Amino acid sequence: MRRRRFQKGSLQLRKHADRRVWVVLYYDERGERRYHTLGFASEMNKGQAEEKCQVFMREVNGGVRNASPVRPTTVIEFLDETYLPFYLGKWKESTAGTSENRIRHHIGKELGRERLMDLTLAKLQKYLEQKAASGLSHSVVDHLRWDLTSMLDMAVAERVIPVNPAGSLYTPKSARRSESHAMSAAEVELALGAVEQREKVILRLAIFAGMRPGELLAIQRDQVSPDASVIEIRQRVYRGKFASPKNGLVRKAAIPPDTASHLREWMENAVEPGPESFVFAGESGQPLWRSSLLEDYIKAKLDPVGLGWVNFQVMRRTHASLGHEAKIDPKVSADQRGHGIGVALDVYTKSSMKDRAAAAKRLEDSVKSKPSQTRKRPK
């Protein structure tokens, strides 16, 4: 049998997304080139990285040359060294922000010291049951289930564990489902009357034109038609970082007359004249941040009038729901928002109780209004 040669490994500094990480390159038992992430460069110097590299390569070499026992990988080690560095390079900015925070706060904090090899289906299901019992929403618990499955899939791919015990996990029925809200026409008028001019234009674009916050905050002057009746959506922005529009498709959004009038007035009075000037910019000339805009300028004004629950998701649902009430073609409404018709109907459109009552009455009347016919018996 051919003797397996000893490897030192190749320590390298690589960039994943916007962060640099230390990785070690090596050959597996089949002679294929692989790499293992050691950790973030901001958290360890080259000497510390070399020490971790040596520990890892002793494991790869199967304990030769006075190797010391290697401690089995824990959840937090795997998250820090392998899983998060990989996915932070894959996720878009908004996803990375929410996902990393959720994973570290819940999984890393509560399961971090557990060894990956000790995680069983029963233990993980019990963990989800406890999260549901603590009051977390169905959505958050379901995301945690997906996170665990994804993390352990990678652990199998990296040969840290032989099988993924999370494959049969399910979201507990006890997880709280919160009702998705949309604004009524009266609430929309109340909200528009409560905010300042800039926020009034932003709310109008979100509610009446169906624009996403990242899209409308990335609008530049040359993307707006002269009469402000059309906006070409070429990009989106999140925390100062730009990306292509959702699904990578540039689209044009129609702006209704009153909203176009407010937009023109805002651009004439408050936006720099250059074609690349951002329509909703901060003091630096760069786009506003969604979080500060919502909390400091929108909710601060809406809360006193009882609309503090309104956010950009609510505005998007409001666009779909009011369009449904106005009998707008679902396909047209979905195209305006930039997604498929299935998402439009299943996720964003919320039927009002008034519409449901009217529909129920029409159904009842359709039966009541028909005269009963006595069927004659054949002779």
Protein backbone atom coordinates (compact mmCIF):
# COMPACT_ATOMS: atom_id res chain seq x y z
CA MET A 1 0.00 0.00 0.00
CA ARG A 2 1.32 3.39 -0.94
CA ARG A 3 2.46 5.37 2.09
CA ARG A 4 0.54 8.58 2.68
CA ARG A 5 2.92 11.54 2.68
CA PHE A 6 3.07 14.07 5.49
CA GLN A 7 1.56 17.50 4.71
CA LYS A 8 2.43 20.84 6.23
CA GLY A 9 -0.49 22.65 4.61
CA SER A 10 -0.37 26.03 2.89
CA LEU A 11 -1.46 28.95 5.07
CA GLN A 12 -3.04 31.76 3.06
CA LEU A 13 -4.93 35.01 3.60
CA ARG A 14 -8.11 35.25 1.52
CA LYS A 15 -11.02 37.62 1.21
CA HIS A 16 -14.58 36.43 1.82
CA ALA A 17 -17.11 39.19 1.10
CA ASP A 18 -15.65 42.28 2.82
CA ARG A 19 -13.65 40.36 5.46
CA ARG A 20 -10.27 38.68 5.25
CA VAL A 21 -9.85 35.18 6.63
CA TRP A 22 -6.98 32.76 7.22
CA VAL A 23 -7.30 29.48 5.34
CA VAL A 24 -5.11 26.39 5.02
CA LEU A 25 -4.87 24.47 1.72
CA TYR A 26 -4.27 20.72 1.84
CA TYR A 27 -4.97 17.45 -0.01
CA ASP A 28 -7.58 14.98 1.21
CA GLU A 29 -7.14 11.21 1.18
CA ARG A 30 -8.24 11.06 -2.47
CA GLY A 31 -5.60 13.58 -3.48
CA GLU A 32 -8.10 16.39 -4.09
CA ARG A 33 -7.20 19.96 -3.21
CA ARG A 34 -9.29 21.35 -0.33
CA TYR A 35 -9.22 24.30 2.04
CA HIS A 36 -10.21 24.83 5.65
CA THR A 37 -11.06 28.24 7.15
CA LEU A 38 -9.16 28.99 10.35
CA GLY A 39 -10.80 32.31 11.30
CA PHE A 40 -11.04 36.02 10.63
CA ALA A 41 -7.79 37.94 10.09
CA SER A 42 -9.14 40.71 12.30
CA GLU A 43 -9.27 38.31 15.24
CA MET A 44 -5.89 36.56 14.92
CA ASN A 45 -2.40 37.45 13.70
CA LYS A 46 -0.25 35.28 11.45
CA GLY A 47 1.43 33.53 14.39
CA GLN A 48 -1.90 32.52 15.89
CA ALA A 49 -3.10 31.39 12.49
CA GLU A 50 0.01 29.24 12.06
CA GLU A 51 -0.67 27.56 15.43
CA LYS A 52 -4.26 26.73 14.38
CA CYS A 53 -2.95 25.54 11.03
CA GLN A 54 -0.54 23.12 12.74
CA VAL A 55 -3.31 21.75 14.97
CA PHE A 56 -5.57 21.20 11.98
CA MET A 57 -2.85 19.58 9.87
CA ARG A 58 -1.99 17.14 12.70
CA GLU A 59 -5.58 15.95 12.42
CA VAL A 60 -5.31 15.70 8.63
CA ASN A 61 -2.06 13.73 8.93
CA GLY A 62 -3.72 11.23 11.21
CA GLY A 63 -1.66 11.91 14.33
CA VAL A 64 1.89 11.51 12.94
CA ARG A 65 4.97 13.43 14.15
CA ASN A 66 4.05 13.72 17.82
CA ALA A 67 0.56 14.99 17.20
CA SER A 68 -1.44 15.97 20.24
CA PRO A 69 -5.11 15.02 20.51
CA VAL A 70 -7.38 17.43 18.63
CA ARG A 71 -10.49 18.55 20.46
CA PRO A 72 -13.68 17.75 18.51
CA THR A 73 -15.14 20.79 16.74
CA THR A 74 -17.76 22.73 18.69
CA VAL A 75 -20.68 24.61 17.20
CA ILE A 76 -19.16 28.04 17.83
CA GLU A 77 -15.82 26.99 16.35
CA PHE A 78 -17.49 25.72 13.22
CA LEU A 79 -19.62 28.86 12.90
CA ASP A 80 -16.63 31.20 13.33
CA GLU A 81 -14.10 29.30 11.27
CA THR A 82 -16.10 27.71 8.47
CA TYR A 83 -19.81 28.37 8.13
CA LEU A 84 -20.11 32.14 8.57
CA PRO A 85 -16.95 33.08 6.59
CA PHE A 86 -18.32 31.08 3.65
CA TYR A 87 -21.89 32.39 3.73
CA LEU A 88 -20.96 36.00 4.43
CA GLY A 89 -19.35 35.90 1.01
CA LYS A 90 -22.53 34.50 -0.53
CA TRP A 91 -25.38 36.37 1.16
CA LYS A 92 -26.48 39.81 0.02
CA GLU A 93 -25.83 42.59 2.54
CA SER A 94 -29.33 42.72 4.05
CA THR A 95 -29.46 38.93 4.43
CA ALA A 96 -25.98 38.81 5.96
CA GLY A 97 -26.89 41.41 8.57
CA THR A 98 -30.03 39.67 9.82
CA SER A 99 -28.80 36.09 9.42
CA GLU A 100 -25.45 36.48 11.17
CA ASN A 101 -27.10 38.30 14.08
CA ARG A 102 -29.79 35.62 14.42
CA ILE A 103 -27.33 32.72 14.21
CA ARG A 104 -24.87 34.20 16.70
CA HIS A 105 -27.55 35.37 19.16
CA HIS A 106 -29.47 32.10 19.25
CA ILE A 107 -27.45 29.15 17.96
CA GLY A 108 -23.97 30.42 18.82
CA LYS A 109 -24.95 31.67 22.25
CA GLU A 110 -27.01 28.68 23.35
CA LEU A 111 -25.50 25.73 21.47
CA GLY A 112 -21.99 27.12 20.97
CA ARG A 113 -20.24 24.81 23.46
CA GLU A 114 -21.92 21.67 22.12
CA ARG A 115 -19.76 19.37 20.00
CA LEU A 116 -21.15 18.90 16.51
CA MET A 117 -20.88 15.14 16.86
CA ASP A 118 -23.09 15.26 19.99
CA LEU A 119 -26.02 17.00 18.31
CA THR A 120 -28.89 14.56 17.78
CA LEU A 121 -32.28 14.95 16.16
CA ALA A 122 -34.02 14.75 19.55
CA LYS A 123 -31.72 17.38 21.10
CA LEU A 124 -32.17 19.78 18.20
CA GLN A 125 -35.95 19.34 18.11
CA LYS A 126 -36.10 20.01 21.84
CA TYR A 127 -34.09 23.18 21.26
CA LEU A 128 -36.65 24.41 18.69
CA GLU A 129 -39.49 23.54 21.08
CA GLN A 130 -37.82 25.66 23.77
CA LYS A 131 -37.38 28.58 21.37
CA ALA A 132 -41.06 28.41 20.42
CA ALA A 133 -42.08 28.25 24.10
CA SER A 134 -39.97 31.34 24.84
CA GLY A 135 -42.30 33.41 22.65
CA LEU A 136 -40.29 33.65 19.44
CA SER A 137 -42.40 34.02 16.31
CA HIS A 138 -43.03 31.15 13.93
CA SER A 139 -40.90 32.94 11.34
CA VAL A 140 -37.82 33.19 13.59
CA VAL A 141 -38.10 29.57 14.80
CA ASP A 142 -38.50 28.40 11.21
CA HIS A 143 -35.38 30.36 10.21
CA LEU A 144 -33.45 28.73 13.07
CA ARG A 145 -34.54 25.31 11.81
CA TRP A 146 -33.21 26.22 8.37
CA ASP A 147 -29.97 27.59 9.89
CA LEU A 148 -29.30 24.36 11.79
CA THR A 149 -29.96 22.24 8.72
CA SER A 150 -27.70 24.38 6.55
CA MET A 151 -24.89 24.47 9.13
CA LEU A 152 -24.89 20.70 9.61
CA ASP A 153 -25.10 20.10 5.85
CA MET A 154 -21.83 21.99 5.56
CA ALA A 155 -20.38 20.05 8.50
CA VAL A 156 -21.09 16.83 6.58
CA ALA A 157 -19.54 18.30 3.42
CA GLU A 158 -16.44 19.28 5.43
CA ARG A 159 -16.35 15.75 6.92
CA VAL A 160 -16.65 17.03 10.47
CA ILE A 161 -19.64 14.74 11.08
CA PRO A 162 -20.81 11.71 9.05
CA VAL A 163 -24.54 12.55 8.75
CA ASN A 164 -26.82 15.54 9.25
CA PRO A 165 -29.20 14.93 12.19
CA ALA A 166 -31.25 18.08 11.37
CA GLY A 167 -32.77 16.76 8.16
CA SER A 168 -36.04 15.74 9.82
CA LEU A 169 -36.50 18.80 12.04
CA TYR A 170 -39.87 20.55 11.93
CA THR A 171 -41.07 23.92 13.15
CA PRO A 172 -43.14 23.38 16.33
CA LYS A 173 -46.88 24.00 16.07
CA SER A 174 -46.63 26.03 19.28
CA ALA A 175 -44.53 28.71 17.56
CA ARG A 176 -46.48 31.96 17.64
CA ARG A 177 -47.84 33.13 14.29
CA SER A 178 -48.27 36.89 14.15
CA GLU A 179 -50.87 38.42 11.88
CA SER A 180 -49.49 40.37 8.92
CA HIS A 181 -50.97 43.86 8.88
CA ALA A 182 -51.73 46.24 6.04
CA MET A 183 -52.93 49.83 6.29
CA SER A 184 -56.45 50.91 5.42
CA ALA A 185 -57.08 53.89 3.15
CA ALA A 186 -57.91 56.04 6.18
CA GLU A 187 -54.67 54.99 7.91
CA VAL A 188 -52.67 55.85 4.79
CA GLU A 189 -54.15 59.37 4.79
CA LEU A 190 -53.42 59.71 8.51
CA ALA A 191 -49.80 58.60 8.01
CA LEU A 192 -49.21 60.99 5.10
CA GLY A 193 -50.54 63.87 7.18
CA ALA A 194 -48.24 63.07 10.10
CA VAL A 195 -44.80 63.05 8.42
CA GLU A 196 -42.56 65.73 6.94
CA GLN A 197 -42.22 66.45 3.20
CA ARG A 198 -39.32 64.07 2.47
CA GLU A 199 -40.90 61.19 4.34
CA LYS A 200 -44.26 61.97 2.69
CA VAL A 201 -42.66 61.40 -0.74
CA ILE A 202 -40.98 58.19 0.48
CA LEU A 203 -44.23 56.82 1.91
CA ARG A 204 -46.05 57.66 -1.32
CA LEU A 205 -43.44 55.84 -3.43
CA ALA A 206 -43.63 52.80 -1.15
CA ILE A 207 -47.44 52.68 -0.84
CA PHE A 208 -48.67 53.94 -4.21
CA ALA A 209 -45.76 52.86 -6.47
CA GLY A 210 -44.87 49.64 -4.62
CA MET A 211 -41.14 50.40 -4.39
CA ARG A 212 -38.86 48.57 -1.96
CA PRO A 213 -36.93 50.74 0.56
CA GLY A 214 -33.55 49.76 -0.88
CA GLU A 215 -34.77 50.72 -4.35
CA LEU A 216 -36.23 54.10 -3.53
CA LEU A 217 -33.25 55.10 -1.39
CA ALA A 218 -30.94 54.34 -4.33
CA ILE A 219 -32.83 56.56 -6.81
CA GLN A 220 -30.64 59.07 -8.64
CA ARG A 221 -31.90 62.13 -10.48
CA ASP A 222 -31.24 60.70 -13.96
CA GLN A 223 -33.41 57.66 -13.18
CA VAL A 224 -36.49 59.87 -12.82
CA SER A 225 -38.33 60.96 -15.98
CA PRO A 226 -38.75 64.76 -16.50
CA ASP A 227 -42.38 64.69 -15.36
CA ALA A 228 -41.55 62.18 -12.55
CA SER A 229 -44.18 59.76 -13.90
CA VAL A 230 -41.64 56.93 -14.36
CA ILE A 231 -38.65 55.80 -12.29
CA GLU A 232 -36.15 53.35 -13.75
CA ILE A 233 -34.98 51.03 -10.98
CA ARG A 234 -31.37 50.13 -11.76
CA GLN A 235 -29.98 49.39 -8.30
CA ARG A 236 -30.70 49.04 -4.60
CA VAL A 237 -28.74 50.04 -1.53
CA TYR A 238 -28.38 48.62 1.98
CA ARG A 239 -26.26 50.32 4.63
CA GLY A 240 -24.35 52.26 2.03
CA LYS A 241 -23.58 49.26 -0.19
CA PHE A 242 -25.07 48.98 -3.66
CA ALA A 243 -26.28 45.91 -5.52
CA SER A 244 -28.36 45.09 -8.58
CA PRO A 245 -32.17 45.17 -8.18
CA LYS A 246 -34.04 42.21 -6.75
CA ASN A 247 -33.70 39.20 -9.07
CA GLY A 248 -31.11 41.18 -11.04
CA LEU A 249 -33.74 42.77 -13.26
CA VAL A 250 -33.85 46.47 -14.12
CA ARG A 251 -37.48 47.60 -14.29
CA LYS A 252 -39.56 50.75 -14.62
CA ALA A 253 -42.07 51.78 -11.98
CA ALA A 254 -45.07 53.93 -12.86
CA ILE A 255 -45.60 56.86 -10.49
CA PRO A 256 -49.20 58.10 -10.02
CA PRO A 257 -49.90 61.82 -10.70
CA ASP A 258 -50.17 63.18 -7.14
CA THR A 259 -47.07 61.27 -6.02
CA ALA A 260 -45.21 62.46 -9.13
CA SER A 261 -46.15 66.04 -8.25
CA HIS A 262 -44.77 65.66 -4.71
CA LEU A 263 -41.62 64.04 -6.09
CA ARG A 264 -41.01 66.86 -8.60
CA GLU A 265 -41.46 69.47 -5.88
CA TRP A 266 -39.01 67.65 -3.61
CA MET A 267 -36.41 67.30 -6.36
CA GLU A 268 -36.71 70.99 -7.36
CA ASN A 269 -36.27 72.24 -3.80
CA ALA A 270 -34.01 69.75 -2.03
CA VAL A 271 -31.99 67.60 -4.46
CA GLU A 272 -28.62 68.54 -5.95
CA PRO A 273 -28.83 69.28 -9.71
CA GLY A 274 -26.30 66.70 -10.92
CA PRO A 275 -27.70 63.68 -12.84
CA GLU A 276 -26.13 61.22 -10.38
CA SER A 277 -27.38 63.04 -7.27
CA PHE A 278 -29.33 60.80 -4.92
CA VAL A 279 -32.93 61.89 -4.46
CA PHE A 280 -32.98 60.90 -0.78
CA ALA A 281 -29.49 61.70 0.46
CA GLY A 282 -28.06 62.48 3.86
CA GLU A 283 -25.67 65.31 4.67
CA SER A 284 -22.78 63.41 3.05
CA GLY A 285 -24.65 63.20 -0.26
CA GLN A 286 -24.97 59.42 0.06
CA PRO A 287 -28.30 57.59 0.41
CA LEU A 288 -30.05 57.56 3.77
CA TRP A 289 -29.88 54.39 5.82
CA ARG A 290 -33.13 52.49 5.95
CA SER A 291 -33.02 51.81 9.71
CA SER A 292 -32.41 55.41 10.81
CA LEU A 293 -34.96 56.72 8.30
CA LEU A 294 -37.63 54.37 9.61
CA GLU A 295 -36.96 54.77 13.32
CA ASP A 296 -35.93 58.44 13.57
CA TYR A 297 -38.09 60.08 10.94
CA ILE A 298 -41.06 57.86 10.12
CA LYS A 299 -42.00 55.91 13.26
CA ALA A 300 -41.19 58.93 15.43
CA LYS A 301 -44.02 60.79 13.67
CA LEU A 302 -46.40 57.85 13.25
CA ASP A 303 -46.25 56.56 16.80
CA PRO A 304 -48.13 59.56 18.31
CA VAL A 305 -51.04 58.97 15.90
CA GLY A 306 -51.25 55.26 16.69
CA LEU A 307 -49.39 53.98 13.62
CA GLY A 308 -46.07 53.06 15.23
CA TRP A 309 -46.49 49.49 13.92
CA VAL A 310 -46.06 50.63 10.33
CA ASN A 311 -42.79 49.63 8.62
CA PHE A 312 -41.69 49.11 5.03
CA GLN A 313 -43.10 45.57 4.95
CA VAL A 314 -46.48 46.96 6.00
CA MET A 315 -46.27 49.59 3.25
CA ARG A 316 -45.54 46.91 0.68
CA ARG A 317 -48.48 44.80 1.84
CA THR A 318 -50.62 47.95 1.77
CA HIS A 319 -49.76 48.52 -1.89
CA ALA A 320 -50.87 44.98 -2.72
CA SER A 321 -53.97 45.03 -0.54
CA LEU A 322 -55.29 48.43 -1.64
CA GLY A 323 -54.65 47.40 -5.24
CA HIS A 324 -56.70 44.26 -4.64
CA GLU A 325 -59.56 46.32 -3.18
CA ALA A 326 -59.37 48.71 -6.17
CA LYS A 327 -59.76 45.69 -8.53
CA ILE A 328 -56.33 46.26 -10.11
CA ASP A 329 -55.14 43.33 -12.22
CA PRO A 330 -52.95 41.17 -9.93
CA LYS A 331 -50.36 40.72 -12.69
CA VAL A 332 -50.05 44.49 -13.20
CA SER A 333 -49.73 45.04 -9.45
CA ALA A 334 -47.09 42.31 -9.12
CA ASP A 335 -45.06 43.69 -12.05
CA GLN A 336 -45.12 47.13 -10.44
CA ARG A 337 -43.62 45.72 -7.24
CA GLY A 338 -41.14 43.57 -9.14
CA HIS A 339 -42.07 40.00 -8.17
CA GLY A 340 -44.16 37.06 -9.30
CA ILE A 341 -47.94 36.96 -9.13
CA GLY A 342 -47.88 34.02 -6.71
CA VAL A 343 -45.92 36.04 -4.16
CA ALA A 344 -48.24 38.99 -4.74
CA LEU A 345 -51.35 37.01 -3.86
CA ASP A 346 -50.01 34.64 -1.20
CA VAL A 347 -47.65 36.92 0.72
CA TYR A 348 -48.49 40.58 0.22
CA THR A 349 -52.21 40.82 -0.54
CA LYS A 350 -54.39 40.96 2.59
CA SER A 351 -58.16 40.93 2.10
CA SER A 352 -60.10 43.27 4.39
CA MET A 353 -62.88 42.01 6.67
CA LYS A 354 -65.27 44.22 4.71
CA ASP A 355 -64.39 42.40 1.47
CA ARG A 356 -64.66 39.02 3.17
CA ALA A 357 -68.09 39.90 4.58
CA ALA A 358 -69.27 41.11 1.19
CA ALA A 359 -68.00 37.94 -0.47
CA ALA A 360 -69.69 35.75 2.13
CA LYS A 361 -72.95 37.65 1.64
CA ARG A 362 -72.76 37.31 -2.17
CA LEU A 363 -72.25 33.58 -1.78
CA GLU A 364 -75.20 33.29 0.59
CA ASP A 365 -77.40 35.46 -1.64
CA SER A 366 -76.53 33.35 -4.67
CA VAL A 367 -78.27 30.44 -2.99
CA LYS A 368 -81.13 32.35 -1.36
CA SER A 369 -82.09 34.18 -4.54
CA LYS A 370 -82.65 31.01 -6.53
CA PRO A 371 -86.28 29.87 -6.36
CA SER A 372 -86.63 26.35 -5.11
CA GLN A 373 -87.81 23.91 -7.71
CA THR A 374 -89.79 20.85 -6.75
CA ARG A 375 -88.67 17.93 -8.73
CA LYS A 376 -91.61 16.02 -10.26
CA ARG A 377 -91.65 12.35 -9.67
CA PRO A 378 -91.90 10.29 -12.89
CA LYS A 379 -95.25 8.56 -13.42
